[in-house]
Amino acid sequence: MFKVKKRLFFILAPLLLVSILFIYDANLDVYTTKEGGTLVYNNKEFQTGYDTHNQFYLNGERNFEIDKLIGKTDNSRFFGFKESVWSIKGESANEVVFVKGLMIEGVYRRK
């Protein structure tokens, strides 16, 4: 009886975890990527540039802390390559971090 319960747990636990992650991913805000390195969300454009880079990086090292996941791009897939948008700790919603896979692509500021 114990082996049956243990086997059932090891089958259902991963399914439940994947289901929860899928629902969480489906409810994220979707940012649209445009040419020229622009992100668009609710008709608000976010762009990166030299001034933004200088504000958030010092001698090639980032001087900000990533806070929480706030969205994904239209190119992001649940089972596949992730492109996500994160907020910066202590900053307003006008500055976001764009992450491709596991690497930070850049800091974007609302235009």
N, C-alpha and C. Protein backbone atom coordinates (compact mmCIF):
# COMPACT_ATOMS: atom_id res chain seq x y z
N MET A 1 0.82 -1.19 0.00
CA MET A 1 0.00 0.00 0.00
C MET A 1 0.88 1.27 0.00
N PHE A 2 1.96 1.23 0.79
CA PHE A 2 2.85 2.38 0.86
C PHE A 2 3.53 2.64 -0.47
N LYS A 3 3.92 1.56 -1.17
CA LYS A 3 4.57 1.71 -2.47
C LYS A 3 3.63 2.32 -3.50
N VAL A 4 2.37 2.00 -3.43
CA VAL A 4 1.39 2.55 -4.38
C VAL A 4 1.23 4.05 -4.14
N LYS A 5 1.14 4.45 -2.87
CA LYS A 5 1.01 5.88 -2.54
C LYS A 5 2.27 6.64 -2.96
N LYS A 6 3.42 6.04 -2.72
CA LYS A 6 4.69 6.68 -3.07
C LYS A 6 4.80 6.84 -4.59
N ARG A 7 4.43 5.82 -5.32
CA ARG A 7 4.47 5.87 -6.78
C ARG A 7 3.49 6.92 -7.31
N LEU A 8 2.31 6.96 -6.72
CA LEU A 8 1.30 7.94 -7.13
C LEU A 8 1.80 9.36 -6.86
N PHE A 9 2.45 9.56 -5.72
CA PHE A 9 3.01 10.87 -5.39
C PHE A 9 4.07 11.28 -6.41
N PHE A 10 4.97 10.38 -6.76
CA PHE A 10 6.05 10.71 -7.69
C PHE A 10 5.55 10.91 -9.12
N ILE A 11 4.36 10.47 -9.42
CA ILE A 11 3.77 10.72 -10.74
C ILE A 11 3.01 12.04 -10.75
N LEU A 12 2.23 12.29 -9.70
CA LEU A 12 1.37 13.47 -9.67
C LEU A 12 2.10 14.76 -9.28
N ALA A 13 3.12 14.69 -8.44
CA ALA A 13 3.82 15.90 -8.00
C ALA A 13 4.45 16.67 -9.17
N PRO A 14 5.19 16.03 -10.07
CA PRO A 14 5.74 16.79 -11.21
C PRO A 14 4.65 17.35 -12.13
N LEU A 15 3.57 16.62 -12.32
CA LEU A 15 2.47 17.12 -13.15
C LEU A 15 1.84 18.36 -12.53
N LEU A 16 1.67 18.35 -11.23
CA LEU A 16 1.11 19.50 -10.54
C LEU A 16 2.05 20.69 -10.63
N LEU A 17 3.33 20.47 -10.45
CA LEU A 17 4.33 21.53 -10.53
C LEU A 17 4.36 22.16 -11.93
N VAL A 18 4.39 21.35 -12.95
CA VAL A 18 4.40 21.86 -14.33
C VAL A 18 3.10 22.61 -14.64
N SER A 19 1.98 22.12 -14.14
CA SER A 19 0.70 22.80 -14.36
C SER A 19 0.70 24.19 -13.71
N ILE A 20 1.21 24.29 -12.50
CA ILE A 20 1.26 25.58 -11.81
C ILE A 20 2.18 26.54 -12.55
N LEU A 21 3.34 26.07 -12.99
CA LEU A 21 4.27 26.92 -13.74
C LEU A 21 3.69 27.36 -15.08
N PHE A 22 2.96 26.47 -15.74
CA PHE A 22 2.33 26.82 -17.02
C PHE A 22 1.28 27.92 -16.82
N ILE A 23 0.47 27.80 -15.79
CA ILE A 23 -0.56 28.82 -15.52
C ILE A 23 0.10 30.15 -15.16
N TYR A 24 1.17 30.11 -14.36
CA TYR A 24 1.89 31.33 -14.00
C TYR A 24 2.48 32.00 -15.25
N ASP A 25 3.06 31.21 -16.13
CA ASP A 25 3.65 31.74 -17.36
C ASP A 25 2.57 32.32 -18.28
N ALA A 26 1.42 31.70 -18.33
CA ALA A 26 0.35 32.18 -19.21
C ALA A 26 -0.23 33.51 -18.72
N ASN A 27 -0.13 33.80 -17.43
CA ASN A 27 -0.71 35.02 -16.87
C ASN A 27 0.27 36.20 -16.84
N LEU A 28 1.50 36.02 -17.32
CA LEU A 28 2.46 37.13 -17.34
C LEU A 28 2.10 38.14 -18.42
N ASP A 29 2.46 39.40 -18.19
CA ASP A 29 2.27 40.44 -19.20
C ASP A 29 3.18 40.17 -20.38
N VAL A 30 2.68 40.44 -21.59
CA VAL A 30 3.44 40.18 -22.81
C VAL A 30 3.97 41.48 -23.38
N TYR A 31 5.30 41.57 -23.50
CA TYR A 31 5.98 42.70 -24.12
C TYR A 31 6.28 42.33 -25.56
N THR A 32 6.04 43.24 -26.48
CA THR A 32 6.30 43.01 -27.89
C THR A 32 7.69 43.55 -28.23
N THR A 33 8.46 42.77 -28.97
CA THR A 33 9.78 43.23 -29.40
C THR A 33 9.68 43.82 -30.80
N LYS A 34 10.33 44.97 -30.98
CA LYS A 34 10.36 45.61 -32.28
C LYS A 34 11.80 45.72 -32.73
N GLU A 35 11.99 46.08 -33.98
CA GLU A 35 13.34 46.26 -34.52
C GLU A 35 14.02 47.44 -33.83
N GLY A 36 15.32 47.37 -33.74
CA GLY A 36 16.08 48.46 -33.13
C GLY A 36 16.17 48.36 -31.62
N GLY A 37 15.86 47.20 -31.05
CA GLY A 37 16.00 47.03 -29.61
C GLY A 37 14.96 47.76 -28.79
N THR A 38 13.71 47.68 -29.19
CA THR A 38 12.63 48.35 -28.49
C THR A 38 11.64 47.33 -27.97
N LEU A 39 11.21 47.50 -26.73
CA LEU A 39 10.14 46.70 -26.15
C LEU A 39 8.90 47.57 -26.03
N VAL A 40 7.72 47.01 -26.33
CA VAL A 40 6.47 47.76 -26.27
C VAL A 40 5.50 47.01 -25.37
N TYR A 41 4.91 47.74 -24.42
CA TYR A 41 3.89 47.18 -23.55
C TYR A 41 2.83 48.24 -23.31
N ASN A 42 1.59 47.95 -23.66
CA ASN A 42 0.47 48.89 -23.51
C ASN A 42 0.79 50.26 -24.12
N ASN A 43 1.27 50.26 -25.35
CA ASN A 43 1.62 51.48 -26.09
C ASN A 43 2.70 52.30 -25.42
N LYS A 44 3.48 51.72 -24.54
CA LYS A 44 4.62 52.38 -23.91
C LYS A 44 5.88 51.73 -24.44
N GLU A 45 6.77 52.55 -25.00
CA GLU A 45 8.00 52.02 -25.57
C GLU A 45 9.13 52.09 -24.55
N PHE A 46 9.88 51.01 -24.45
CA PHE A 46 11.06 50.94 -23.61
C PHE A 46 12.27 50.79 -24.52
N GLN A 47 13.27 51.66 -24.34
CA GLN A 47 14.46 51.61 -25.18
C GLN A 47 15.71 51.58 -24.32
N THR A 48 16.77 51.05 -24.89
CA THR A 48 18.05 51.04 -24.21
C THR A 48 18.99 51.99 -24.94
N GLY A 49 20.04 52.36 -24.28
CA GLY A 49 20.99 53.27 -24.91
C GLY A 49 22.20 53.51 -24.04
N TYR A 50 23.07 54.38 -24.50
CA TYR A 50 24.32 54.65 -23.81
C TYR A 50 24.09 55.27 -22.42
N ASP A 51 23.15 56.22 -22.32
CA ASP A 51 22.87 56.87 -21.04
C ASP A 51 22.32 55.89 -20.02
N THR A 52 21.43 55.03 -20.46
CA THR A 52 20.87 54.02 -19.57
C THR A 52 21.94 53.05 -19.11
N HIS A 53 22.79 52.66 -20.03
CA HIS A 53 23.88 51.74 -19.69
C HIS A 53 24.82 52.37 -18.65
N ASN A 54 25.16 53.63 -18.83
CA ASN A 54 26.05 54.30 -17.88
C ASN A 54 25.42 54.46 -16.50
N GLN A 55 24.10 54.61 -16.45
CA GLN A 55 23.44 54.76 -15.16
C GLN A 55 23.45 53.46 -14.35
N PHE A 56 23.29 52.33 -15.01
CA PHE A 56 23.13 51.06 -14.31
C PHE A 56 24.38 50.18 -14.32
N TYR A 57 25.43 50.59 -15.00
CA TYR A 57 26.67 49.81 -15.02
C TYR A 57 27.84 50.72 -14.67
N LEU A 58 28.78 50.19 -13.90
CA LEU A 58 29.97 50.93 -13.52
C LEU A 58 31.19 50.06 -13.82
N ASN A 59 32.03 50.50 -14.75
CA ASN A 59 33.21 49.75 -15.18
C ASN A 59 32.86 48.33 -15.64
N GLY A 60 31.78 48.18 -16.35
CA GLY A 60 31.37 46.88 -16.87
C GLY A 60 30.63 46.01 -15.87
N GLU A 61 30.53 46.42 -14.62
CA GLU A 61 29.81 45.65 -13.60
C GLU A 61 28.46 46.30 -13.34
N ARG A 62 27.44 45.49 -13.22
CA ARG A 62 26.12 46.05 -12.96
C ARG A 62 26.02 46.51 -11.51
N ASN A 63 25.39 47.64 -11.31
CA ASN A 63 25.19 48.16 -9.97
C ASN A 63 23.71 48.26 -9.64
N PHE A 64 22.96 47.23 -10.03
CA PHE A 64 21.54 47.15 -9.71
C PHE A 64 21.23 45.71 -9.32
N GLU A 65 20.09 45.54 -8.67
CA GLU A 65 19.66 44.22 -8.26
C GLU A 65 18.32 43.91 -8.93
N ILE A 66 18.22 42.74 -9.53
CA ILE A 66 16.99 42.33 -10.19
C ILE A 66 15.98 41.92 -9.13
N ASP A 67 14.74 42.42 -9.27
CA ASP A 67 13.74 42.20 -8.23
C ASP A 67 12.84 41.01 -8.53
N LYS A 68 11.90 41.17 -9.47
CA LYS A 68 10.95 40.09 -9.74
C LYS A 68 10.55 40.06 -11.21
N LEU A 69 10.04 38.93 -11.62
CA LEU A 69 9.59 38.72 -12.99
C LEU A 69 8.27 39.46 -13.20
N ILE A 70 8.22 40.32 -14.22
CA ILE A 70 7.00 41.07 -14.48
C ILE A 70 6.39 40.78 -15.84
N GLY A 71 7.12 40.11 -16.73
CA GLY A 71 6.56 39.83 -18.04
C GLY A 71 7.46 38.96 -18.88
N LYS A 72 6.98 38.70 -20.08
CA LYS A 72 7.72 37.91 -21.07
C LYS A 72 7.54 38.57 -22.42
N THR A 73 8.34 38.19 -23.39
CA THR A 73 8.20 38.76 -24.72
C THR A 73 7.31 37.87 -25.57
N ASP A 74 6.95 38.39 -26.72
CA ASP A 74 6.10 37.62 -27.63
C ASP A 74 6.86 36.45 -28.25
N ASN A 75 8.19 36.45 -28.18
CA ASN A 75 8.99 35.35 -28.73
C ASN A 75 9.24 34.23 -27.73
N SER A 76 8.85 34.43 -26.48
CA SER A 76 9.13 33.47 -25.42
C SER A 76 8.17 32.29 -25.51
N ARG A 77 8.68 31.11 -25.24
CA ARG A 77 7.88 29.88 -25.25
C ARG A 77 7.99 29.19 -23.90
N PHE A 78 6.94 28.48 -23.48
CA PHE A 78 6.98 27.78 -22.20
C PHE A 78 8.00 26.65 -22.25
N PHE A 79 7.90 25.81 -23.28
CA PHE A 79 8.90 24.75 -23.48
C PHE A 79 9.85 25.22 -24.56
N GLY A 80 10.88 25.93 -24.19
CA GLY A 80 11.83 26.43 -25.17
C GLY A 80 12.59 27.61 -24.63
N PHE A 81 13.07 28.45 -25.53
CA PHE A 81 13.91 29.59 -25.17
C PHE A 81 13.08 30.66 -24.49
N LYS A 82 13.56 31.16 -23.36
CA LYS A 82 12.85 32.17 -22.59
C LYS A 82 13.42 33.56 -22.85
N GLU A 83 12.55 34.51 -23.03
CA GLU A 83 12.88 35.92 -23.06
C GLU A 83 11.96 36.57 -22.04
N SER A 84 12.52 37.10 -20.98
CA SER A 84 11.71 37.61 -19.89
C SER A 84 12.07 39.04 -19.54
N VAL A 85 11.14 39.71 -18.86
CA VAL A 85 11.31 41.09 -18.44
C VAL A 85 11.19 41.13 -16.92
N TRP A 86 12.19 41.72 -16.26
CA TRP A 86 12.26 41.77 -14.80
C TRP A 86 12.29 43.22 -14.34
N SER A 87 11.80 43.46 -13.13
CA SER A 87 11.87 44.80 -12.55
C SER A 87 13.20 44.95 -11.82
N ILE A 88 13.60 46.20 -11.60
CA ILE A 88 14.84 46.51 -10.89
C ILE A 88 14.47 46.93 -9.47
N LYS A 89 15.14 46.34 -8.51
CA LYS A 89 14.85 46.62 -7.10
C LYS A 89 15.15 48.08 -6.79
N GLY A 90 14.17 48.77 -6.21
CA GLY A 90 14.34 50.16 -5.82
C GLY A 90 14.10 51.16 -6.93
N GLU A 91 13.76 50.72 -8.12
CA GLU A 91 13.50 51.62 -9.25
C GLU A 91 12.02 51.58 -9.60
N SER A 92 11.58 52.59 -10.34
CA SER A 92 10.17 52.64 -10.76
C SER A 92 9.93 51.63 -11.88
N ALA A 93 8.69 51.54 -12.29
CA ALA A 93 8.31 50.62 -13.36
C ALA A 93 8.77 51.12 -14.72
N ASN A 94 9.39 52.30 -14.77
CA ASN A 94 9.88 52.85 -16.03
C ASN A 94 11.21 52.26 -16.46
N GLU A 95 11.90 51.55 -15.57
CA GLU A 95 13.15 50.88 -15.90
C GLU A 95 12.98 49.38 -15.69
N VAL A 96 13.29 48.62 -16.73
CA VAL A 96 13.15 47.16 -16.67
C VAL A 96 14.42 46.51 -17.21
N VAL A 97 14.61 45.23 -16.86
CA VAL A 97 15.74 44.46 -17.35
C VAL A 97 15.21 43.39 -18.30
N PHE A 98 15.82 43.30 -19.48
CA PHE A 98 15.43 42.31 -20.48
C PHE A 98 16.44 41.18 -20.43
N VAL A 99 15.96 39.96 -20.21
CA VAL A 99 16.83 38.79 -20.08
C VAL A 99 16.49 37.80 -21.18
N LYS A 100 17.52 37.38 -21.94
CA LYS A 100 17.37 36.34 -22.96
C LYS A 100 18.04 35.09 -22.42
N GLY A 101 17.25 34.06 -22.23
CA GLY A 101 17.79 32.82 -21.65
C GLY A 101 18.22 33.07 -20.23
N LEU A 102 19.52 32.96 -19.97
CA LEU A 102 20.05 33.22 -18.64
C LEU A 102 20.96 34.45 -18.60
N MET A 103 21.03 35.19 -19.71
CA MET A 103 21.92 36.34 -19.78
C MET A 103 21.13 37.64 -19.87
N ILE A 104 21.62 38.66 -19.16
CA ILE A 104 20.98 39.98 -19.21
C ILE A 104 21.30 40.62 -20.55
N GLU A 105 20.26 40.94 -21.28
CA GLU A 105 20.41 41.58 -22.59
C GLU A 105 20.65 43.08 -22.43
N GLY A 106 19.99 43.70 -21.46
CA GLY A 106 20.18 45.13 -21.24
C GLY A 106 19.12 45.69 -20.34
N VAL A 107 19.36 46.93 -19.91
CA VAL A 107 18.40 47.67 -19.11
C VAL A 107 17.65 48.61 -20.06
N TYR A 108 16.34 48.62 -19.96
CA TYR A 108 15.51 49.42 -20.83
C TYR A 108 14.78 50.48 -20.01
N ARG A 109 14.68 51.66 -20.56
CA ARG A 109 13.99 52.76 -19.90
C ARG A 109 12.81 53.19 -20.77
N ARG A 110 11.73 53.56 -20.11
CA ARG A 110 10.53 54.00 -20.84
C ARG A 110 10.82 55.32 -21.55
N LYS A 111 10.44 55.35 -22.80
CA LYS A 111 10.69 56.53 -23.65
C LYS A 111 9.70 57.62 -23.34
